[in-house]
């Protein structure tokens, strides 16, 4: 038997591997247990409206959404707060305009590049 450490998505697993000769039949093994912290299936993203998308710059959790559909915003207005690495990051409007869609909600986990809102 060989003891090996395998890392999958940052989680280390210690495993034992048995070397078999070509004449020895392989024993049937029970299925491996599911990894702890398996990601949930993502829900379908809302359809973004017309205009310029404002995207999440990093993965994190939406702490608050400060705008609604149809709301007028100025460049630099805080449209949402994204918590990442235990820090709250302000997501700001890149231009003045009207919010045409809000694509996230409070408490939602997002990945880098997720559209938060669109501005026209």
Protein backbone atom coordinates (compact mmCIF):
# COMPACT_ATOMS: atom_id res chain seq x y z
CA UNK A 1 0.00 0.00 0.00
CA UNK A 2 1.09 3.53 -0.73
CA UNK A 3 -0.15 6.52 1.23
CA UNK A 4 -0.75 9.59 -0.93
CA UNK A 5 -2.10 13.08 -0.32
CA UNK A 6 -4.30 14.46 -3.10
CA UNK A 7 -5.47 18.08 -3.16
CA UNK A 8 -8.76 18.92 -4.91
CA UNK A 9 -9.92 22.55 -5.04
CA UNK A 10 -7.67 23.44 -2.11
CA UNK A 11 -8.83 20.56 0.13
CA UNK A 12 -6.24 17.87 0.95
CA UNK A 13 -7.30 14.20 1.12
CA UNK A 14 -5.09 11.41 2.47
CA UNK A 15 -5.64 8.20 0.46
CA UNK A 16 -4.19 4.72 0.37
CA UNK A 17 -3.44 3.10 -2.99
CA UNK A 18 -2.81 -0.60 -3.41
CA UNK A 19 -0.56 -1.71 -6.24
CA UNK A 20 -1.99 -4.70 -8.09
CA UNK A 21 -0.20 -7.12 -10.36
CA UNK A 22 -1.70 -7.71 -13.80
CA UNK A 23 -2.88 -11.21 -12.73
CA UNK A 24 -4.68 -10.11 -9.56
CA UNK A 25 -8.30 -9.08 -10.12
CA UNK A 26 -9.16 -5.67 -8.73
CA UNK A 27 -11.51 -5.76 -5.73
CA UNK A 28 -14.69 -3.74 -6.05
CA UNK A 29 -14.44 -0.64 -3.90
CA UNK A 30 -17.32 1.18 -2.25
CA UNK A 31 -18.14 4.58 -3.78
CA UNK A 32 -16.07 7.46 -2.46
CA UNK A 33 -17.87 9.83 -0.06
CA UNK A 34 -18.86 13.23 -1.42
CA UNK A 35 -16.42 16.00 -0.60
CA UNK A 36 -17.45 18.32 2.20
CA UNK A 37 -18.38 21.77 0.93
CA UNK A 38 -19.49 20.63 -2.51
CA UNK A 39 -20.73 23.78 -4.28
CA UNK A 40 -24.46 24.18 -4.77
CA UNK A 41 -25.89 24.28 -8.26
CA UNK A 42 -26.13 27.90 -9.33
CA UNK A 43 -29.55 29.27 -10.13
CA UNK A 44 -30.20 30.80 -13.51
CA UNK A 45 -29.09 34.41 -13.66
CA UNK A 46 -31.74 37.07 -14.26
CA UNK A 47 -31.74 38.54 -17.73
CA UNK A 48 -29.72 41.75 -17.86
CA UNK A 49 -31.43 44.83 -19.25
CA UNK A 50 -30.17 47.15 -21.95
CA UNK A 51 -27.13 49.23 -21.18
CA UNK A 52 -23.71 48.87 -19.62
CA UNK A 53 -23.34 45.92 -17.22
CA UNK A 54 -21.72 46.57 -13.85
CA UNK A 55 -20.01 43.31 -12.88
CA UNK A 56 -18.66 41.85 -9.64
CA UNK A 57 -14.90 42.43 -9.60
CA UNK A 58 -14.31 39.34 -7.42
CA UNK A 59 -16.24 36.43 -5.90
CA UNK A 60 -18.18 37.19 -2.74
CA UNK A 61 -21.58 37.72 -1.14
CA UNK A 62 -23.94 40.60 -1.86
CA UNK A 63 -24.48 42.41 1.46
CA UNK A 64 -26.87 45.03 0.07
CA UNK A 65 -28.31 46.30 -3.18
CA UNK A 66 -28.81 50.07 -3.01
CA UNK A 67 -30.71 50.62 -6.29
CA UNK A 68 -33.92 49.52 -7.99
CA UNK A 69 -35.05 49.20 -11.62
CA UNK A 70 -35.72 52.61 -13.15
CA UNK A 71 -33.73 54.52 -10.53
CA UNK A 72 -31.54 57.42 -11.68
CA UNK A 73 -27.90 57.22 -10.55
CA UNK A 74 -24.87 59.47 -10.83
CA UNK A 75 -21.37 58.32 -11.64
CA UNK A 76 -19.75 57.10 -8.41
CA UNK A 77 -23.02 56.29 -6.60
CA UNK A 78 -22.76 53.08 -4.55
CA UNK A 79 -25.06 50.56 -6.22
CA UNK A 80 -24.22 47.52 -4.08
CA UNK A 81 -21.96 46.25 -1.29
CA UNK A 82 -20.01 43.05 -1.96
CA UNK A 83 -18.38 41.19 0.92
CA UNK A 84 -15.21 39.40 -0.13
CA UNK A 85 -12.40 38.13 2.07
CA UNK A 86 -14.20 39.55 5.16
CA UNK A 87 -14.15 43.07 3.71
CA UNK A 88 -17.09 45.07 2.40
CA UNK A 89 -16.42 46.48 -1.06
CA UNK A 90 -18.51 49.28 -2.56
CA UNK A 91 -19.58 48.63 -6.14
CA UNK A 92 -20.10 52.02 -7.79
CA UNK A 93 -21.88 53.25 -10.88
CA UNK A 94 -19.38 53.73 -13.70
CA UNK A 95 -21.55 56.42 -15.33
CA UNK A 96 -24.68 58.47 -14.78
CA UNK A 97 -27.90 56.96 -16.07
CA UNK A 98 -30.92 54.82 -15.32
CA UNK A 99 -30.79 51.33 -13.80
CA UNK A 100 -32.37 49.03 -16.40
CA UNK A 101 -32.02 45.80 -14.40
CA UNK A 102 -30.93 44.55 -10.99
CA UNK A 103 -29.53 41.03 -11.43
CA UNK A 104 -28.60 40.09 -7.84
CA UNK A 105 -30.23 40.14 -4.43
CA UNK A 106 -29.05 40.52 -0.83
CA UNK A 107 -27.33 37.38 0.48
CA UNK A 108 -26.59 35.98 -2.98
CA UNK A 109 -23.14 34.51 -3.64
CA UNK A 110 -21.56 35.71 -6.86
CA UNK A 111 -18.47 34.86 -8.86
CA UNK A 112 -16.13 37.30 -10.54
CA UNK A 113 -17.82 38.78 -13.60
CA UNK A 114 -21.42 38.27 -12.42
CA UNK A 115 -23.59 41.15 -13.66
CA UNK A 116 -24.88 43.09 -10.65
CA UNK A 117 -26.89 45.78 -12.51
CA UNK A 118 -27.10 47.37 -15.92
CA UNK A 119 -27.10 51.14 -16.47
CA UNK A 120 -28.34 52.95 -19.57
